[in-house]
């Protein structure tokens, strides 16, 4: 039973890391691609960075709510 609990905790932390990475990388890469497409460098990349940072703050607040409810 204890081993199953540890593996569940491990998977929860791995999925949280994946969520954080995706929340930051997807808007940045999208902004980079749009900059190269529209030739507006670096403005859309900066917008993507800001959106990624806002996404991470939203994830932190959701994680705080999830942990405080346990």
PDB file of N, CA and C in Angstrom:
ATOM      1  N   UNK A   1       0.822  -1.196   0.000  1.00  0.00           N
ATOM      2  CA  UNK A   1       0.000   0.000   0.000  1.00  0.00           C
ATOM      3  C   UNK A   1       0.863   1.256   0.000  1.00  0.00           C
ATOM      4  N   UNK A   2       1.942   1.254   0.761  1.00  0.00           N
ATOM      5  CA  UNK A   2       2.811   2.415   0.835  1.00  0.00           C
ATOM      6  C   UNK A   2       3.511   2.663  -0.494  1.00  0.00           C
ATOM      7  N   UNK A   3       3.922   1.586  -1.171  1.00  0.00           N
ATOM      8  CA  UNK A   3       4.601   1.721  -2.451  1.00  0.00           C
ATOM      9  C   UNK A   3       3.665   2.323  -3.503  1.00  0.00           C
ATOM     10  N   UNK A   4       2.396   1.921  -3.469  1.00  0.00           N
ATOM     11  CA  UNK A   4       1.414   2.465  -4.408  1.00  0.00           C
ATOM     12  C   UNK A   4       1.205   3.961  -4.160  1.00  0.00           C
ATOM     13  N   UNK A   5       1.197   4.379  -2.900  1.00  0.00           N
ATOM     14  CA  UNK A   5       1.028   5.791  -2.545  1.00  0.00           C
ATOM     15  C   UNK A   5       2.221   6.605  -3.037  1.00  0.00           C
ATOM     16  N   UNK A   6       3.436   6.049  -2.900  1.00  0.00           N
ATOM     17  CA  UNK A   6       4.624   6.775  -3.356  1.00  0.00           C
ATOM     18  C   UNK A   6       4.619   6.944  -4.864  1.00  0.00           C
ATOM     19  N   UNK A   7       4.212   5.912  -5.589  1.00  0.00           N
ATOM     20  CA  UNK A   7       4.187   6.028  -7.045  1.00  0.00           C
ATOM     21  C   UNK A   7       3.108   7.006  -7.494  1.00  0.00           C
ATOM     22  N   UNK A   8       2.008   7.070  -6.781  1.00  0.00           N
ATOM     23  CA  UNK A   8       0.964   8.038  -7.108  1.00  0.00           C
ATOM     24  C   UNK A   8       1.461   9.458  -6.872  1.00  0.00           C
ATOM     25  N   UNK A   9       2.168   9.677  -5.760  1.00  0.00           N
ATOM     26  CA  UNK A   9       2.744  10.996  -5.490  1.00  0.00           C
ATOM     27  C   UNK A   9       3.761  11.369  -6.563  1.00  0.00           C
ATOM     28  N   UNK A  10       4.583  10.403  -6.958  1.00  0.00           N
ATOM     29  CA  UNK A  10       5.593  10.648  -7.984  1.00  0.00           C
ATOM     30  C   UNK A  10       4.937  11.064  -9.294  1.00  0.00           C
ATOM     31  N   UNK A  11       3.895  10.366  -9.704  1.00  0.00           N
ATOM     32  CA  UNK A  11       3.207  10.705 -10.952  1.00  0.00           C
ATOM     33  C   UNK A  11       2.547  12.081 -10.869  1.00  0.00           C
ATOM     34  N   UNK A  12       2.066  12.441  -9.690  1.00  0.00           N
ATOM     35  CA  UNK A  12       1.453  13.755  -9.519  1.00  0.00           C
ATOM     36  C   UNK A  12       2.490  14.860  -9.717  1.00  0.00           C
ATOM     37  N   UNK A  13       3.695  14.662  -9.167  1.00  0.00           N
ATOM     38  CA  UNK A  13       4.743  15.677  -9.323  1.00  0.00           C
ATOM     39  C   UNK A  13       5.257  15.739 -10.757  1.00  0.00           C
ATOM     40  N   UNK A  14       5.354  14.596 -11.428  1.00  0.00           N
ATOM     41  CA  UNK A  14       5.791  14.588 -12.825  1.00  0.00           C
ATOM     42  C   UNK A  14       4.766  15.297 -13.707  1.00  0.00           C
ATOM     43  N   UNK A  15       3.495  15.048 -13.461  1.00  0.00           N
ATOM     44  CA  UNK A  15       2.468  15.722 -14.260  1.00  0.00           C
ATOM     45  C   UNK A  15       2.453  17.226 -13.976  1.00  0.00           C
ATOM     46  N   UNK A  16       2.722  17.613 -12.735  1.00  0.00           N
ATOM     47  CA  UNK A  16       2.800  19.040 -12.410  1.00  0.00           C
ATOM     48  C   UNK A  16       3.966  19.687 -13.144  1.00  0.00           C
ATOM     49  N   UNK A  17       5.095  19.010 -13.211  1.00  0.00           N
ATOM     50  CA  UNK A  17       6.234  19.537 -13.960  1.00  0.00           C
ATOM     51  C   UNK A  17       5.923  19.667 -15.429  1.00  0.00           C
ATOM     52  N   UNK A  18       5.214  18.696 -15.979  1.00  0.00           N
ATOM     53  CA  UNK A  18       4.816  18.772 -17.385  1.00  0.00           C
ATOM     54  C   UNK A  18       3.859  19.915 -17.642  1.00  0.00           C
ATOM     55  N   UNK A  19       2.937  20.142 -16.716  1.00  0.00           N
ATOM     56  CA  UNK A  19       1.997  21.251 -16.859  1.00  0.00           C
ATOM     57  C   UNK A  19       2.726  22.586 -16.847  1.00  0.00           C
ATOM     58  N   UNK A  20       3.677  22.726 -15.943  1.00  0.00           N
ATOM     59  CA  UNK A  20       4.429  23.978 -15.842  1.00  0.00           C
ATOM     60  C   UNK A  20       5.248  24.207 -17.106  1.00  0.00           C
ATOM     61  N   UNK A  21       5.907  23.147 -17.575  1.00  0.00           N
ATOM     62  CA  UNK A  21       6.717  23.277 -18.789  1.00  0.00           C
ATOM     63  C   UNK A  21       5.852  23.645 -19.991  1.00  0.00           C
ATOM     64  N   UNK A  22       4.703  22.994 -20.131  1.00  0.00           N
ATOM     65  CA  UNK A  22       3.825  23.279 -21.262  1.00  0.00           C
ATOM     66  C   UNK A  22       3.227  24.684 -21.154  1.00  0.00           C
ATOM     67  N   UNK A  23       2.866  25.086 -19.937  1.00  0.00           N
ATOM     68  CA  UNK A  23       2.258  26.408 -19.750  1.00  0.00           C
ATOM     69  C   UNK A  23       3.234  27.519 -20.091  1.00  0.00           C
ATOM     70  N   UNK A  24       4.519  27.259 -19.955  1.00  0.00           N
ATOM     71  CA  UNK A  24       5.511  28.279 -20.274  1.00  0.00           C
ATOM     72  C   UNK A  24       6.003  28.163 -21.710  1.00  0.00           C
ATOM     73  N   UNK A  25       6.258  26.958 -22.167  1.00  0.00           N
ATOM     74  CA  UNK A  25       6.890  26.775 -23.472  1.00  0.00           C
ATOM     75  C   UNK A  25       5.948  26.988 -24.659  1.00  0.00           C
ATOM     76  N   UNK A  26       4.714  26.567 -24.539  1.00  0.00           N
ATOM     77  CA  UNK A  26       3.790  26.680 -25.683  1.00  0.00           C
ATOM     78  C   UNK A  26       3.581  28.138 -26.105  1.00  0.00           C
ATOM     79  N   UNK A  27       3.268  29.066 -25.191  1.00  0.00           N
ATOM     80  CA  UNK A  27       3.108  30.460 -25.644  1.00  0.00           C
ATOM     81  C   UNK A  27       4.408  31.077 -26.161  1.00  0.00           C
ATOM     82  N   UNK A  28       5.548  30.697 -25.561  1.00  0.00           N
ATOM     83  CA  UNK A  28       6.821  31.248 -26.015  1.00  0.00           C
ATOM     84  C   UNK A  28       7.135  30.760 -27.426  1.00  0.00           C
ATOM     85  N   UNK A  29       6.974  29.460 -27.659  1.00  0.00           N
ATOM     86  CA  UNK A  29       7.248  28.926 -28.987  1.00  0.00           C
ATOM     87  C   UNK A  29       6.265  29.453 -30.027  1.00  0.00           C
ATOM     88  N   UNK A  30       5.025  29.615 -29.630  1.00  0.00           N
ATOM     89  CA  UNK A  30       4.032  30.188 -30.537  1.00  0.00           C
ATOM     90  C   UNK A  30       4.379  31.635 -30.877  1.00  0.00           C
ATOM     91  N   UNK A  31       4.791  32.408 -29.883  1.00  0.00           N
ATOM     92  CA  UNK A  31       5.205  33.788 -30.124  1.00  0.00           C
ATOM     93  C   UNK A  31       6.433  33.857 -31.011  1.00  0.00           C
ATOM     94  N   UNK A  32       7.375  32.953 -30.815  1.00  0.00           N
ATOM     95  CA  UNK A  32       8.574  32.905 -31.660  1.00  0.00           C
ATOM     96  C   UNK A  32       8.202  32.584 -33.106  1.00  0.00           C
ATOM     97  N   UNK A  33       7.328  31.609 -33.280  1.00  0.00           N
ATOM     98  CA  UNK A  33       6.908  31.230 -34.636  1.00  0.00           C
ATOM     99  C   UNK A  33       6.146  32.371 -35.313  1.00  0.00           C
ATOM    100  N   UNK A  34       5.248  33.012 -34.569  1.00  0.00           N
ATOM    101  CA  UNK A  34       4.493  34.132 -35.147  1.00  0.00           C
ATOM    102  C   UNK A  34       5.410  35.310 -35.478  1.00  0.00           C
ATOM    103  N   UNK A  35       6.442  35.534 -34.658  1.00  0.00           N
ATOM    104  CA  UNK A  35       7.414  36.582 -34.969  1.00  0.00           C
ATOM    105  C   UNK A  35       8.134  36.297 -36.278  1.00  0.00           C
ATOM    106  N   UNK A  36       8.520  35.055 -36.486  1.00  0.00           N
ATOM    107  CA  UNK A  36       9.219  34.734 -37.729  1.00  0.00           C
ATOM    108  C   UNK A  36       8.259  34.784 -38.920  1.00  0.00           C
ATOM    109  N   UNK A  37       6.997  34.479 -38.698  1.00  0.00           N
ATOM    110  CA  UNK A  37       6.017  34.497 -39.787  1.00  0.00           C
ATOM    111  C   UNK A  37       5.660  35.928 -40.190  1.00  0.00           C
ATOM    112  N   UNK A  38       5.399  36.786 -39.200  1.00  0.00           N
ATOM    113  CA  UNK A  38       4.988  38.161 -39.481  1.00  0.00           C
ATOM    114  C   UNK A  38       6.150  39.148 -39.488  1.00  0.00           C
ATOM    115  N   UNK A  39       7.355  38.697 -39.160  1.00  0.00           N
ATOM    116  CA  UNK A  39       8.559  39.531 -39.117  1.00  0.00           C
ATOM    117  C   UNK A  39       8.368  40.718 -38.165  1.00  0.00           C
ATOM    118  N   UNK A  40       7.932  40.404 -36.956  1.00  0.00           N
ATOM    119  CA  UNK A  40       7.694  41.429 -35.938  1.00  0.00           C
ATOM    120  C   UNK A  40       8.592  41.234 -34.723  1.00  0.00           C
ATOM    121  N   UNK A  41       9.724  40.625 -34.932  1.00  0.00           N
ATOM    122  CA  UNK A  41      10.615  40.255 -33.830  1.00  0.00           C
ATOM    123  C   UNK A  41      10.963  41.458 -32.972  1.00  0.00           C
ATOM    124  N   UNK A  42      10.983  41.383 -31.712  1.00  0.00           N
ATOM    125  CA  UNK A  42      10.712  40.336 -30.733  1.00  0.00           C
ATOM    126  C   UNK A  42       9.376  40.484 -30.036  1.00  0.00           C
ATOM    127  N   UNK A  43       8.465  41.250 -30.591  1.00  0.00           N
ATOM    128  CA  UNK A  43       7.261  41.651 -29.862  1.00  0.00           C
ATOM    129  C   UNK A  43       6.335  40.485 -29.527  1.00  0.00           C
ATOM    130  N   UNK A  44       6.065  39.628 -30.454  1.00  0.00           N
ATOM    131  CA  UNK A  44       5.162  38.511 -30.156  1.00  0.00           C
ATOM    132  C   UNK A  44       5.820  37.481 -29.246  1.00  0.00           C
ATOM    133  N   UNK A  45       7.143  37.372 -29.309  1.00  0.00           N
ATOM    134  CA  UNK A  45       7.860  36.516 -28.374  1.00  0.00           C
ATOM    135  C   UNK A  45       7.710  37.043 -26.950  1.00  0.00           C
ATOM    136  N   UNK A  46       7.806  38.344 -26.792  1.00  0.00           N
ATOM    137  CA  UNK A  46       7.622  38.942 -25.466  1.00  0.00           C
ATOM    138  C   UNK A  46       6.195  38.763 -24.962  1.00  0.00           C
ATOM    139  N   UNK A  47       5.227  38.884 -25.841  1.00  0.00           N
ATOM    140  CA  UNK A  47       3.829  38.640 -25.465  1.00  0.00           C
ATOM    141  C   UNK A  47       3.666  37.179 -25.043  1.00  0.00           C
ATOM    142  N   UNK A  48       4.299  36.263 -25.769  1.00  0.00           N
ATOM    143  CA  UNK A  48       4.252  34.851 -25.397  1.00  0.00           C
ATOM    144  C   UNK A  48       4.882  34.605 -24.042  1.00  0.00           C
ATOM    145  N   UNK A  49       5.981  35.298 -23.740  1.00  0.00           N
ATOM    146  CA  UNK A  49       6.610  35.167 -22.419  1.00  0.00           C
ATOM    147  C   UNK A  49       5.672  35.641 -21.311  1.00  0.00           C
ATOM    148  N   UNK A  50       5.030  36.762 -21.539  1.00  0.00           N
ATOM    149  CA  UNK A  50       4.094  37.278 -20.532  1.00  0.00           C
ATOM    150  C   UNK A  50       2.910  36.341 -20.334  1.00  0.00           C
ATOM    151  N   UNK A  51       2.383  35.802 -21.422  1.00  0.00           N
ATOM    152  CA  UNK A  51       1.271  34.852 -21.306  1.00  0.00           C
ATOM    153  C   UNK A  51       1.728  33.597 -20.558  1.00  0.00           C
ATOM    154  N   UNK A  52       2.942  33.130 -20.831  1.00  0.00           N
ATOM    155  CA  UNK A  52       3.473  31.965 -20.126  1.00  0.00           C
ATOM    156  C   UNK A  52       3.621  32.213 -18.639  1.00  0.00           C
ATOM    157  N   UNK A  53       4.085  33.393 -18.267  1.00  0.00           N
ATOM    158  CA  UNK A  53       4.234  33.729 -16.848  1.00  0.00           C
ATOM    159  C   UNK A  53       2.872  33.795 -16.168  1.00  0.00           C
ATOM    160  N   UNK A  54       1.892  34.382 -16.839  1.00  0.00           N
ATOM    161  CA  UNK A  54       0.536  34.424 -16.278  1.00  0.00           C
ATOM    162  C   UNK A  54      -0.016  33.013 -16.114  1.00  0.00           C
ATOM    163  N   UNK A  55       0.253  32.133 -17.094  1.00  0.00           N
ATOM    164  CA  UNK A  55      -0.192  30.736 -16.991  1.00  0.00           C
ATOM    165  C   UNK A  55       0.417  30.051 -15.776  1.00  0.00           C
ATOM    166  N   UNK A  56       1.687  30.307 -15.505  1.00  0.00           N
ATOM    167  CA  UNK A  56       2.340  29.674 -14.353  1.00  0.00           C
ATOM    168  C   UNK A  56       1.723  30.181 -13.051  1.00  0.00           C
ATOM    169  N   UNK A  57       1.432  31.481 -12.969  1.00  0.00           N
ATOM    170  CA  UNK A  57       0.781  31.998 -11.763  1.00  0.00           C
ATOM    171  C   UNK A  57      -0.595  31.365 -11.571  1.00  0.00           C
ATOM    172  N   UNK A  58      -1.339  31.189 -12.646  1.00  0.00           N
ATOM    173  CA  UNK A  58      -2.649  30.538 -12.548  1.00  0.00           C
ATOM    174  C   UNK A  58      -2.488  29.108 -12.049  1.00  0.00           C
ATOM    175  N   UNK A  59      -1.484  28.384 -12.566  1.00  0.00           N
ATOM    176  CA  UNK A  59      -1.234  27.019 -12.097  1.00  0.00           C
ATOM    177  C   UNK A  59      -0.863  26.991 -10.622  1.00  0.00           C
ATOM    178  N   UNK A  60      -0.073  27.957 -10.179  1.00  0.00           N
ATOM    179  CA  UNK A  60       0.319  28.002  -8.764  1.00  0.00           C
ATOM    180  C   UNK A  60      -0.900  28.240  -7.888  1.00  0.00           C
ATOM    181  N   UNK A  61      -1.786  29.146  -8.292  1.00  0.00           N
ATOM    182  CA  UNK A  61      -2.985  29.405  -7.499  1.00  0.00           C
ATOM    183  C   UNK A  61      -3.908  28.184  -7.466  1.00  0.00           C
ATOM    184  N   UNK A  62      -4.034  27.480  -8.594  1.00  0.00           N
ATOM    185  CA  UNK A  62      -4.843  26.264  -8.617  1.00  0.00           C
ATOM    186  C   UNK A  62      -4.226  25.184  -7.737  1.00  0.00           C
ATOM    187  N   UNK A  63      -2.912  25.065  -7.769  1.00  0.00           N
ATOM    188  CA  UNK A  63      -2.230  24.085  -6.927  1.00  0.00           C
ATOM    189  C   UNK A  63      -2.413  24.436  -5.457  1.00  0.00           C
ATOM    190  N   UNK A  64      -2.364  25.702  -5.125  1.00  0.00           N
ATOM    191  CA  UNK A  64      -2.582  26.135  -3.749  1.00  0.00           C
ATOM    192  C   UNK A  64      -3.992  25.764  -3.285  1.00  0.00           C
ATOM    193  N   UNK A  65      -4.983  25.976  -4.122  1.00  0.00           N
ATOM    194  CA  UNK A  65      -6.355  25.609  -3.769  1.00  0.00           C
ATOM    195  C   UNK A  65      -6.489  24.102  -3.602  1.00  0.00           C
ATOM    196  N   UNK A  66      -5.841  23.345  -4.506  1.00  0.00           N
ATOM    197  CA  UNK A  66      -5.915  21.882  -4.433  1.00  0.00           C
ATOM    198  C   UNK A  66      -5.254  21.353  -3.160  1.00  0.00           C
ATOM    199  N   UNK A  67      -4.097  21.916  -2.790  1.00  0.00           N
ATOM    200  CA  UNK A  67      -3.387  21.438  -1.606  1.00  0.00           C
ATOM    201  C   UNK A  67      -4.070  21.881  -0.321  1.00  0.00           C
ATOM    202  N   UNK A  68      -4.684  23.066  -0.310  1.00  0.00           N
ATOM    203  CA  UNK A  68      -5.353  23.525   0.902  1.00  0.00           C
ATOM    204  C   UNK A  68      -6.677  22.791   1.128  1.00  0.00           C
ATOM    205  N   UNK A  69      -7.234  22.207   0.082  1.00  0.00           N
ATOM    206  CA  UNK A  69      -8.477  21.450   0.263  1.00  0.00           C
ATOM    207  C   UNK A  69      -8.221  20.045   0.792  1.00  0.00           C
ATOM    208  N   UNK A  70      -6.977  19.564   0.687  1.00  0.00           N
ATOM    209  CA  UNK A  70      -6.663  18.205   1.179  1.00  0.00           C
ATOM    210  C   UNK A  70      -6.572  18.153   2.648  1.00  0.00           C
TER     211      UNK A  70
END
